C-alpha atoms as a PDB file:
ATOM      1  CA  MET A   1      -2.573 -14.721  20.498  1.00  0.00           C
ATOM      2  CA  ARG A   2       0.611 -12.464  20.275  1.00  0.00           C
ATOM      3  CA  HIS A   3       3.308 -12.319  22.880  1.00  0.00           C
ATOM      4  CA  PHE A   4       4.903  -8.634  23.588  1.00  0.00           C
ATOM      5  CA  GLY A   5       8.231  -9.096  25.467  1.00  0.00           C
ATOM      6  CA  SER A   6       7.194  -5.988  27.461  1.00  0.00           C
ATOM      7  CA  LYS A   7       5.169  -3.054  27.613  1.00  0.00           C
ATOM      8  CA  GLU A   8       7.694  -0.955  25.479  1.00  0.00           C
ATOM      9  CA  GLN A   9       7.466  -3.535  22.453  1.00  0.00           C
ATOM     10  CA  LEU A  10       3.221  -3.586  22.852  1.00  0.00           C
ATOM     11  CA  PHE A  11       3.294   0.051  22.545  1.00  0.00           C
ATOM     12  CA  LEU A  12       5.543   0.178  19.950  1.00  0.00           C
ATOM     13  CA  ALA A  13       3.689  -2.415  17.974  1.00  0.00           C
ATOM     14  CA  ALA A  14       0.407  -0.928  18.583  1.00  0.00           C
ATOM     15  CA  VAL A  15       1.437   2.835  18.261  1.00  0.00           C
ATOM     16  CA  PRO A  16       1.957   3.714  14.329  1.00  0.00           C
ATOM     17  CA  GLY A  17       4.556   6.478  12.944  1.00  0.00           C
ATOM     18  CA  PRO A  18       8.154   6.855  12.556  1.00  0.00           C
ATOM     19  CA  ARG A  19      10.561   6.087  15.438  1.00  0.00           C
ATOM     20  CA  ASP A  20      13.397   8.281  13.761  1.00  0.00           C
ATOM     21  CA  LEU A  21      13.119  11.438  16.406  1.00  0.00           C
ATOM     22  CA  PRO A  22      16.684  11.375  17.347  1.00  0.00           C
ATOM     23  CA  GLU A  23      17.373  11.879  13.899  1.00  0.00           C
ATOM     24  CA  LEU A  24      15.281  15.051  13.796  1.00  0.00           C
ATOM     25  CA  LEU A  25      17.467  16.814  16.464  1.00  0.00           C
ATOM     26  CA  PRO A  26      21.209  16.859  15.021  1.00  0.00           C
ATOM     27  CA  GLY A  27      21.721  19.485  12.111  1.00  0.00           C
ATOM     28  CA  PRO A  28      21.575  23.343  11.570  1.00  0.00           C
ATOM     29  CA  PRO A  29      19.327  25.301  13.265  1.00  0.00           C
ATOM     30  CA  GLU A  30      18.033  26.720  10.211  1.00  0.00           C
ATOM     31  CA  THR A  31      17.408  23.598   8.521  1.00  0.00           C
ATOM     32  CA  MET A  32      14.955  22.842  11.606  1.00  0.00           C
ATOM     33  CA  PRO A  33      11.670  23.450  10.211  1.00  0.00           C
ATOM     34  CA  GLU A  34      12.078  21.326   6.926  1.00  0.00           C
ATOM     35  CA  ARG A  35      13.101  18.470   9.042  1.00  0.00           C
ATOM     36  CA  LEU A  36      10.239  18.719  11.435  1.00  0.00           C
ATOM     37  CA  VAL A  37       7.935  19.127   8.905  1.00  0.00           C
ATOM     38  CA  ALA A  38       9.565  16.110   6.804  1.00  0.00           C
ATOM     39  CA  TYR A  39       8.860  14.226  10.371  1.00  0.00           C
ATOM     40  CA  LEU A  40       5.617  15.020  10.773  1.00  0.00           C
ATOM     41  CA  THR A  41       4.333  13.886   7.385  1.00  0.00           C
ATOM     42  CA  ARG A  42       5.831  10.833   7.802  1.00  0.00           C
ATOM     43  CA  ALA A  43       4.041  10.397  10.916  1.00  0.00           C
ATOM     44  CA  LEU A  44       0.781  11.800   9.773  1.00  0.00           C
ATOM     45  CA  ARG A  45       1.227   9.051   6.457  1.00  0.00           C
ATOM     46  CA  CYS A  46       1.628   6.151   9.055  1.00  0.00           C
ATOM     47  CA  LEU A  47      -1.477   7.204  11.406  1.00  0.00           C
ATOM     48  CA  LEU A  48      -4.131   7.612   8.211  1.00  0.00           C
ATOM     49  CA  GLU A  49      -2.690   4.613   6.340  1.00  0.00           C
ATOM     50  CA  PRO A  50      -5.524   2.074   6.513  1.00  0.00           C
ATOM     51  CA  VAL A  51      -4.705  -0.402   8.836  1.00  0.00           C
ATOM     52  CA  GLY A  52      -7.225  -3.591   7.984  1.00  0.00           C
ATOM     53  CA  PRO A  53      -8.519  -4.877   4.903  1.00  0.00           C
ATOM     54  CA  PRO A  54     -10.643  -2.396   2.570  1.00  0.00           C
ATOM     55  CA  GLU A  55     -14.299  -2.934   3.514  1.00  0.00           C
ATOM     56  CA  SER A  56     -15.820  -4.300   0.587  1.00  0.00           C
ATOM     57  CA  SER A  57     -18.589  -2.309  -1.215  1.00  0.00           C
ATOM     58  CA  GLU A  58     -20.412  -5.539  -2.675  1.00  0.00           C
ATOM     59  CA  GLY A  59     -23.865  -5.665  -1.926  1.00  0.00           C
ATOM     60  CA  THR A  60     -24.233  -1.977  -1.423  1.00  0.00           C
ATOM     61  CA  SER A  61     -25.738   0.493  -3.582  1.00  0.00           C
ATOM     62  CA  PRO A  62     -24.982   4.262  -3.824  1.00  0.00           C
ATOM     63  CA  SER A  63     -27.962   6.561  -3.369  1.00  0.00           C
END
């Protein structure tokens, strides 16, 4: 059993994704759309990554 020191630590461990939102804000307003797209792309990649071991396809045949 794993122990987390606080609710915040538990949340950070349970929710995948980049934690660099404060780095998104500084900069010229003209480049905000590009920074936002880059941030959201990283976040989506984290959400779409498989978490556990890949499922084995042994014993199954395509239909």
